[in-house]
Amino acid sequence: LSPAVTMVQDLYVKNLKKYFKNKLVLSVPQWELHGAGATLVLGPNGAGKTTFLRILAQLLSFDEGEVSIPAGCKRSFYESGFFIFPELTVGEHFSFLRQLVADDFIEGVAERFDLPAVWHQPAIELSRGWKARLGLALACSKQSQLYLFDEPMDALDKAGSEMLLQELHNLHNSGRTLIIATHRAQSYEALSPTSYSVGAR
């Protein structure tokens, strides 16, 4: 754990609502998270899991309510296809991070996802599973305090899922805060997560 990265203290959401074209798509009456650990955001497709994570990542505005996250909290967000540029090689994607994160840390994460095997390939040539590995490795390389993952196992095979779980363990054990939107709660039992179910209520 980098000494420059402090822990998230408290996250607080109250009376949160998000509408699309006058339709309520997310309602979170109250949700609190204290300190480090893993939390699963549960719910069926269309329940608002992705919308909730995008709001917490400050990628999407909300219409009503309050979202309180400590000032200066560094966030890392994963969603399928997010921050993937088709024309860039796998290695070139990591060049964006080298001004912010030590080379050996980046290389360690890339190796744990087996990305050196496709290091010189453009992203457009990668399979869906390899693109997911790339996106997840980029998200895990950012040395943030708060990590938000939207259905991170969806495109992964068994080997990729095991790599992801090991990386989540590394982050969890170093005191980071993980929020994972998923419909596969059983896949993350080893993280001893808390859970919260969302829906437009």
Foldseek 3Di string as FASTA:
>chain_A
DDPVADAWAKKKWAQFWADDPNHTQWGDHIDMDGFAAEEEAEDDPSFCLVVVLCVVVVNDDTDDTDIDTDPPFFEFEFDQPPQADQADFLQVSCVVCVVPAPPVLLVVLCVLQPNVVRRGPGNNPDDSQVSLSSRLSVRLSNSGQEYEYEASCPSHDPSNLVSSLVSVVVCRVVGHHYYYYHNCVVSNVVRVHHYHYIGRD
